[in-house]
Amino acid sequence: MKNRLKVYRAMHNLTQEELAKALGVSRQTIIAIEKGKYDPSLRLAFKIARFFGVRIEDIFIYDEDEPKG
């Protein structure tokens, strides 16, 4: 799944480490999400969206044509 996490993180002037701490995850998790190598759980996706004060759809772009795992 494509996402704009890196963009939102940059807009808020946060490092990957700072965002990871705020969300209670590892920096490696943030890196993997930003690179599109890991799709967060629904719970984490909501947590990220709430942290930035936006909707999940503003950060995560669902593409029905994307190949499944």
PDB file of N, CA and C in Angstrom:
ATOM      1  N   MET A   1       0.843  -1.169   0.000  1.00  0.00           N
ATOM      2  CA  MET A   1       0.000   0.000   0.000  1.00  0.00           C
ATOM      3  C   MET A   1       0.896   1.242   0.000  1.00  0.00           C
ATOM      4  N   LYS A   2       0.573   2.172  -0.865  1.00  0.00           N
ATOM      5  CA  LYS A   2       1.338   3.412  -0.913  1.00  0.00           C
ATOM      6  C   LYS A   2       0.921   4.303   0.257  1.00  0.00           C
ATOM      7  N   ASN A   3       1.850   5.188   0.643  1.00  0.00           N
ATOM      8  CA  ASN A   3       1.515   6.086   1.748  1.00  0.00           C
ATOM      9  C   ASN A   3       2.289   7.386   1.648  1.00  0.00           C
ATOM     10  N   ARG A   4       1.832   8.344   2.414  1.00  0.00           N
ATOM     11  CA  ARG A   4       2.458   9.670   2.466  1.00  0.00           C
ATOM     12  C   ARG A   4       3.055   9.932   3.844  1.00  0.00           C
ATOM     13  N   LEU A   5       3.426   8.888   4.541  1.00  0.00           N
ATOM     14  CA  LEU A   5       3.925   9.050   5.900  1.00  0.00           C
ATOM     15  C   LEU A   5       5.168   9.930   5.937  1.00  0.00           C
ATOM     16  N   LYS A   6       6.092   9.710   5.015  1.00  0.00           N
ATOM     17  CA  LYS A   6       7.321  10.507   4.987  1.00  0.00           C
ATOM     18  C   LYS A   6       7.002  11.987   4.786  1.00  0.00           C
ATOM     19  N   VAL A   7       6.027  12.271   3.934  1.00  0.00           N
ATOM     20  CA  VAL A   7       5.619  13.655   3.674  1.00  0.00           C
ATOM     21  C   VAL A   7       5.062  14.298   4.939  1.00  0.00           C
ATOM     22  N   TYR A   8       4.151  13.593   5.611  1.00  0.00           N
ATOM     23  CA  TYR A   8       3.566  14.141   6.839  1.00  0.00           C
ATOM     24  C   TYR A   8       4.609  14.299   7.935  1.00  0.00           C
ATOM     25  N   ARG A   9       5.521  13.359   8.016  1.00  0.00           N
ATOM     26  CA  ARG A   9       6.584  13.440   9.016  1.00  0.00           C
ATOM     27  C   ARG A   9       7.455  14.666   8.748  1.00  0.00           C
ATOM     28  N   ALA A  10       7.797  14.900   7.478  1.00  0.00           N
ATOM     29  CA  ALA A  10       8.612  16.054   7.095  1.00  0.00           C
ATOM     30  C   ALA A  10       7.863  17.365   7.355  1.00  0.00           C
ATOM     31  N   MET A  11       6.560  17.379   7.062  1.00  0.00           N
ATOM     32  CA  MET A  11       5.758  18.585   7.289  1.00  0.00           C
ATOM     33  C   MET A  11       5.749  18.982   8.766  1.00  0.00           C
ATOM     34  N   HIS A  12       5.874  17.994   9.641  1.00  0.00           N
ATOM     35  CA  HIS A  12       5.866  18.246  11.083  1.00  0.00           C
ATOM     36  C   HIS A  12       7.278  18.267  11.671  1.00  0.00           C
ATOM     37  N   ASN A  13       8.265  18.249  10.768  1.00  0.00           N
ATOM     38  CA  ASN A  13       9.657  18.366  11.194  1.00  0.00           C
ATOM     39  C   ASN A  13      10.059  17.307  12.223  1.00  0.00           C
ATOM     40  N   LEU A  14       9.650  16.074  11.969  1.00  0.00           N
ATOM     41  CA  LEU A  14       9.948  14.971  12.882  1.00  0.00           C
ATOM     42  C   LEU A  14      10.947  14.011  12.260  1.00  0.00           C
ATOM     43  N   THR A  15      11.819  13.474  13.080  1.00  0.00           N
ATOM     44  CA  THR A  15      12.700  12.404  12.616  1.00  0.00           C
ATOM     45  C   THR A  15      11.917  11.093  12.699  1.00  0.00           C
ATOM     46  N   GLN A  16      12.445  10.072  12.062  1.00  0.00           N
ATOM     47  CA  GLN A  16      11.809   8.754  12.159  1.00  0.00           C
ATOM     48  C   GLN A  16      11.795   8.298  13.613  1.00  0.00           C
ATOM     49  N   GLU A  17      12.861   8.565  14.321  1.00  0.00           N
ATOM     50  CA  GLU A  17      12.967   8.173  15.733  1.00  0.00           C
ATOM     51  C   GLU A  17      11.919   8.885  16.591  1.00  0.00           C
ATOM     52  N   GLU A  18      11.734  10.182  16.365  1.00  0.00           N
ATOM     53  CA  GLU A  18      10.749  10.948  17.142  1.00  0.00           C
ATOM     54  C   GLU A  18       9.327  10.438  16.883  1.00  0.00           C
ATOM     55  N   LEU A  19       9.019  10.174  15.625  1.00  0.00           N
ATOM     56  CA  LEU A  19       7.693   9.661  15.291  1.00  0.00           C
ATOM     57  C   LEU A  19       7.490   8.278  15.892  1.00  0.00           C
ATOM     58  N   ALA A  20       8.502   7.444  15.800  1.00  0.00           N
ATOM     59  CA  ALA A  20       8.418   6.090  16.359  1.00  0.00           C
ATOM     60  C   ALA A  20       8.129   6.143  17.856  1.00  0.00           C
ATOM     61  N   LYS A  21       8.847   6.992  18.577  1.00  0.00           N
ATOM     62  CA  LYS A  21       8.625   7.117  20.021  1.00  0.00           C
ATOM     63  C   LYS A  21       7.216   7.606  20.326  1.00  0.00           C
ATOM     64  N   ALA A  22       6.751   8.587  19.561  1.00  0.00           N
ATOM     65  CA  ALA A  22       5.408   9.132  19.781  1.00  0.00           C
ATOM     66  C   ALA A  22       4.324   8.085  19.552  1.00  0.00           C
ATOM     67  N   LEU A  23       4.581   7.153  18.633  1.00  0.00           N
ATOM     68  CA  LEU A  23       3.592   6.123  18.290  1.00  0.00           C
ATOM     69  C   LEU A  23       3.795   4.820  19.063  1.00  0.00           C
ATOM     70  N   GLY A  24       4.916   4.710  19.760  1.00  0.00           N
ATOM     71  CA  GLY A  24       5.189   3.496  20.521  1.00  0.00           C
ATOM     72  C   GLY A  24       5.622   2.321  19.663  1.00  0.00           C
ATOM     73  N   VAL A  25       6.317   2.634  18.558  1.00  0.00           N
ATOM     74  CA  VAL A  25       6.840   1.586  17.685  1.00  0.00           C
ATOM     75  C   VAL A  25       8.341   1.810  17.484  1.00  0.00           C
ATOM     76  N   SER A  26       8.993   0.897  16.780  1.00  0.00           N
ATOM     77  CA  SER A  26      10.425   1.050  16.525  1.00  0.00           C
ATOM     78  C   SER A  26      10.658   1.943  15.304  1.00  0.00           C
ATOM     79  N   ARG A  27      11.860   2.477  15.241  1.00  0.00           N
ATOM     80  CA  ARG A  27      12.245   3.279  14.075  1.00  0.00           C
ATOM     81  C   ARG A  27      12.201   2.410  12.821  1.00  0.00           C
ATOM     82  N   GLN A  28      12.561   1.130  12.968  1.00  0.00           N
ATOM     83  CA  GLN A  28      12.542   0.210  11.835  1.00  0.00           C
ATOM     84  C   GLN A  28      11.123   0.066  11.270  1.00  0.00           C
ATOM     85  N   THR A  29      10.119   0.118  12.142  1.00  0.00           N
ATOM     86  CA  THR A  29       8.729   0.040  11.689  1.00  0.00           C
ATOM     87  C   THR A  29       8.392   1.245  10.826  1.00  0.00           C
ATOM     88  N   ILE A  30       8.805   2.427  11.269  1.00  0.00           N
ATOM     89  CA  ILE A  30       8.539   3.650  10.503  1.00  0.00           C
ATOM     90  C   ILE A  30       9.245   3.578   9.150  1.00  0.00           C
ATOM     91  N   ILE A  31      10.496   3.139   9.149  1.00  0.00           N
ATOM     92  CA  ILE A  31      11.252   2.996   7.899  1.00  0.00           C
ATOM     93  C   ILE A  31      10.527   2.054   6.943  1.00  0.00           C
ATOM     94  N   ALA A  32      10.102   0.903   7.446  1.00  0.00           N
ATOM     95  CA  ALA A  32       9.433  -0.101   6.607  1.00  0.00           C
ATOM     96  C   ALA A  32       8.111   0.422   6.054  1.00  0.00           C
ATOM     97  N   ILE A  33       7.353   1.156   6.858  1.00  0.00           N
ATOM     98  CA  ILE A  33       6.086   1.722   6.379  1.00  0.00           C
ATOM     99  C   ILE A  33       6.369   2.753   5.294  1.00  0.00           C
ATOM    100  N   GLU A  34       7.319   3.647   5.545  1.00  0.00           N
ATOM    101  CA  GLU A  34       7.641   4.690   4.566  1.00  0.00           C
ATOM    102  C   GLU A  34       8.102   4.104   3.236  1.00  0.00           C
ATOM    103  N   LYS A  35       8.832   3.003   3.278  1.00  0.00           N
ATOM    104  CA  LYS A  35       9.329   2.372   2.055  1.00  0.00           C
ATOM    105  C   LYS A  35       8.281   1.481   1.388  1.00  0.00           C
ATOM    106  N   GLY A  36       7.116   1.322   2.039  1.00  0.00           N
ATOM    107  CA  GLY A  36       6.069   0.481   1.473  1.00  0.00           C
ATOM    108  C   GLY A  36       6.336  -1.000   1.631  1.00  0.00           C
ATOM    109  N   LYS A  37       7.270  -1.359   2.505  1.00  0.00           N
ATOM    110  CA  LYS A  37       7.603  -2.768   2.729  1.00  0.00           C
ATOM    111  C   LYS A  37       6.731  -3.406   3.810  1.00  0.00           C
ATOM    112  N   TYR A  38       6.020  -2.563   4.548  1.00  0.00           N
ATOM    113  CA  TYR A  38       5.187  -3.054   5.654  1.00  0.00           C
ATOM    114  C   TYR A  38       3.914  -2.228   5.715  1.00  0.00           C
ATOM    115  N   ASP A  39       2.776  -2.906   5.703  1.00  0.00           N
ATOM    116  CA  ASP A  39       1.488  -2.234   5.885  1.00  0.00           C
ATOM    117  C   ASP A  39       1.137  -2.304   7.363  1.00  0.00           C
ATOM    118  N   PRO A  40       0.915  -1.150   7.986  1.00  0.00           N
ATOM    119  CA  PRO A  40       0.608  -1.163   9.413  1.00  0.00           C
ATOM    120  C   PRO A  40      -0.747  -1.802   9.696  1.00  0.00           C
ATOM    121  N   SER A  41      -0.909  -2.260  10.925  1.00  0.00           N
ATOM    122  CA  SER A  41      -2.219  -2.767  11.337  1.00  0.00           C
ATOM    123  C   SER A  41      -3.210  -1.614  11.278  1.00  0.00           C
ATOM    124  N   LEU A  42      -4.473  -1.950  11.263  1.00  0.00           N
ATOM    125  CA  LEU A  42      -5.498  -0.915  11.247  1.00  0.00           C
ATOM    126  C   LEU A  42      -5.371  -0.024  12.482  1.00  0.00           C
ATOM    127  N   ARG A  43      -5.083  -0.628  13.609  1.00  0.00           N
ATOM    128  CA  ARG A  43      -4.907   0.116  14.863  1.00  0.00           C
ATOM    129  C   ARG A  43      -3.769   1.137  14.736  1.00  0.00           C
ATOM    130  N   LEU A  44      -2.631   0.702  14.181  1.00  0.00           N
ATOM    131  CA  LEU A  44      -1.498   1.609  14.018  1.00  0.00           C
ATOM    132  C   LEU A  44      -1.803   2.684  12.975  1.00  0.00           C
ATOM    133  N   ALA A  45      -2.498   2.316  11.917  1.00  0.00           N
ATOM    134  CA  ALA A  45      -2.868   3.298  10.890  1.00  0.00           C
ATOM    135  C   ALA A  45      -3.742   4.394  11.494  1.00  0.00           C
ATOM    136  N   PHE A  46      -4.709   4.013  12.334  1.00  0.00           N
ATOM    137  CA  PHE A  46      -5.543   4.999  13.019  1.00  0.00           C
ATOM    138  C   PHE A  46      -4.702   5.878  13.944  1.00  0.00           C
ATOM    139  N   LYS A  47      -3.776   5.250  14.652  1.00  0.00           N
ATOM    140  CA  LYS A  47      -2.910   5.979  15.580  1.00  0.00           C
ATOM    141  C   LYS A  47      -2.076   7.026  14.835  1.00  0.00           C
ATOM    142  N   ILE A  48      -1.545   6.641  13.683  1.00  0.00           N
ATOM    143  CA  ILE A  48      -0.752   7.566  12.865  1.00  0.00           C
ATOM    144  C   ILE A  48      -1.621   8.723  12.375  1.00  0.00           C
ATOM    145  N   ALA A  49      -2.797   8.395  11.857  1.00  0.00           N
ATOM    146  CA  ALA A  49      -3.698   9.435  11.352  1.00  0.00           C
ATOM    147  C   ALA A  49      -4.101  10.398  12.465  1.00  0.00           C
ATOM    148  N   ARG A  50      -4.445   9.871  13.631  1.00  0.00           N
ATOM    149  CA  ARG A  50      -4.829  10.729  14.753  1.00  0.00           C
ATOM    150  C   ARG A  50      -3.667  11.610  15.196  1.00  0.00           C
ATOM    151  N   PHE A  51      -2.461  11.049  15.188  1.00  0.00           N
ATOM    152  CA  PHE A  51      -1.281  11.803  15.582  1.00  0.00           C
ATOM    153  C   PHE A  51      -1.131  13.051  14.709  1.00  0.00           C
ATOM    154  N   PHE A  52      -1.362  12.898  13.408  1.00  0.00           N
ATOM    155  CA  PHE A  52      -1.225  14.017  12.482  1.00  0.00           C
ATOM    156  C   PHE A  52      -2.524  14.812  12.313  1.00  0.00           C
ATOM    157  N   GLY A  53      -3.609  14.352  12.927  1.00  0.00           N
ATOM    158  CA  GLY A  53      -4.880  15.066  12.855  1.00  0.00           C
ATOM    159  C   GLY A  53      -5.531  15.008  11.489  1.00  0.00           C
ATOM    160  N   VAL A  54      -5.342  13.876  10.801  1.00  0.00           N
ATOM    161  CA  VAL A  54      -5.916  13.697   9.465  1.00  0.00           C
ATOM    162  C   VAL A  54      -6.638  12.353   9.391  1.00  0.00           C
ATOM    163  N   ARG A  55      -7.280  12.095   8.254  1.00  0.00           N
ATOM    164  CA  ARG A  55      -7.948  10.811   8.038  1.00  0.00           C
ATOM    165  C   ARG A  55      -6.924   9.784   7.563  1.00  0.00           C
ATOM    166  N   ILE A  56      -7.198   8.525   7.801  1.00  0.00           N
ATOM    167  CA  ILE A  56      -6.316   7.450   7.335  1.00  0.00           C
ATOM    168  C   ILE A  56      -6.080   7.585   5.830  1.00  0.00           C
ATOM    169  N   GLU A  57      -7.130   7.910   5.085  1.00  0.00           N
ATOM    170  CA  GLU A  57      -7.033   8.010   3.633  1.00  0.00           C
ATOM    171  C   GLU A  57      -6.109   9.132   3.183  1.00  0.00           C
ATOM    172  N   ASP A  58      -5.855  10.106   4.055  1.00  0.00           N
ATOM    173  CA  ASP A  58      -4.932  11.189   3.710  1.00  0.00           C
ATOM    174  C   ASP A  58      -3.485  10.700   3.710  1.00  0.00           C
ATOM    175  N   ILE A  59      -3.209   9.676   4.484  1.00  0.00           N
ATOM    176  CA  ILE A  59      -1.837   9.156   4.597  1.00  0.00           C
ATOM    177  C   ILE A  59      -1.652   7.875   3.787  1.00  0.00           C
ATOM    178  N   PHE A  60      -2.628   6.976   3.868  1.00  0.00           N
ATOM    179  CA  PHE A  60      -2.505   5.676   3.204  1.00  0.00           C
ATOM    180  C   PHE A  60      -3.397   5.620   1.974  1.00  0.00           C
ATOM    181  N   ILE A  61      -2.801   5.233   0.851  1.00  0.00           N
ATOM    182  CA  ILE A  61      -3.522   5.189  -0.422  1.00  0.00           C
ATOM    183  C   ILE A  61      -3.776   3.736  -0.786  1.00  0.00           C
ATOM    184  N   TYR A  62      -5.031   3.349  -0.759  1.00  0.00           N
ATOM    185  CA  TYR A  62      -5.394   1.970  -1.099  1.00  0.00           C
ATOM    186  C   TYR A  62      -5.563   1.851  -2.602  1.00  0.00           C
ATOM    187  N   ASP A  63      -4.892   0.894  -3.189  1.00  0.00           N
ATOM    188  CA  ASP A  63      -4.970   0.647  -4.612  1.00  0.00           C
ATOM    189  C   ASP A  63      -5.485  -0.767  -4.836  1.00  0.00           C
ATOM    190  N   GLU A  64      -6.727  -0.875  -5.318  1.00  0.00           N
ATOM    191  CA  GLU A  64      -7.337  -2.193  -5.504  1.00  0.00           C
ATOM    192  C   GLU A  64      -6.592  -3.033  -6.526  1.00  0.00           C
ATOM    193  N   ASP A  65      -5.871  -2.396  -7.434  1.00  0.00           N
ATOM    194  CA  ASP A  65      -5.153  -3.123  -8.471  1.00  0.00           C
ATOM    195  C   ASP A  65      -3.777  -3.607  -8.015  1.00  0.00           C
ATOM    196  N   GLU A  66      -3.351  -3.164  -6.827  1.00  0.00           N
ATOM    197  CA  GLU A  66      -2.039  -3.567  -6.310  1.00  0.00           C
ATOM    198  C   GLU A  66      -2.040  -5.064  -6.033  1.00  0.00           C
ATOM    199  N   PRO A  67      -0.966  -5.749  -6.435  1.00  0.00           N
ATOM    200  CA  PRO A  67      -0.904  -7.197  -6.189  1.00  0.00           C
ATOM    201  C   PRO A  67      -0.976  -7.499  -4.684  1.00  0.00           C
ATOM    202  N   LYS A  68      -1.664  -8.541  -4.340  1.00  0.00           N
ATOM    203  CA  LYS A  68      -1.800  -8.938  -2.934  1.00  0.00           C
ATOM    204  C   LYS A  68      -0.546  -9.676  -2.501  1.00  0.00           C
ATOM    205  N   GLY A  69      -0.007  -9.290  -1.301  1.00  0.00           N
ATOM    206  CA  GLY A  69       1.137  -9.865  -0.642  1.00  0.00           C
ATOM    207  C   GLY A  69       1.705 -11.039  -1.287  1.00  0.00           C
TER     208      GLY A  69
END
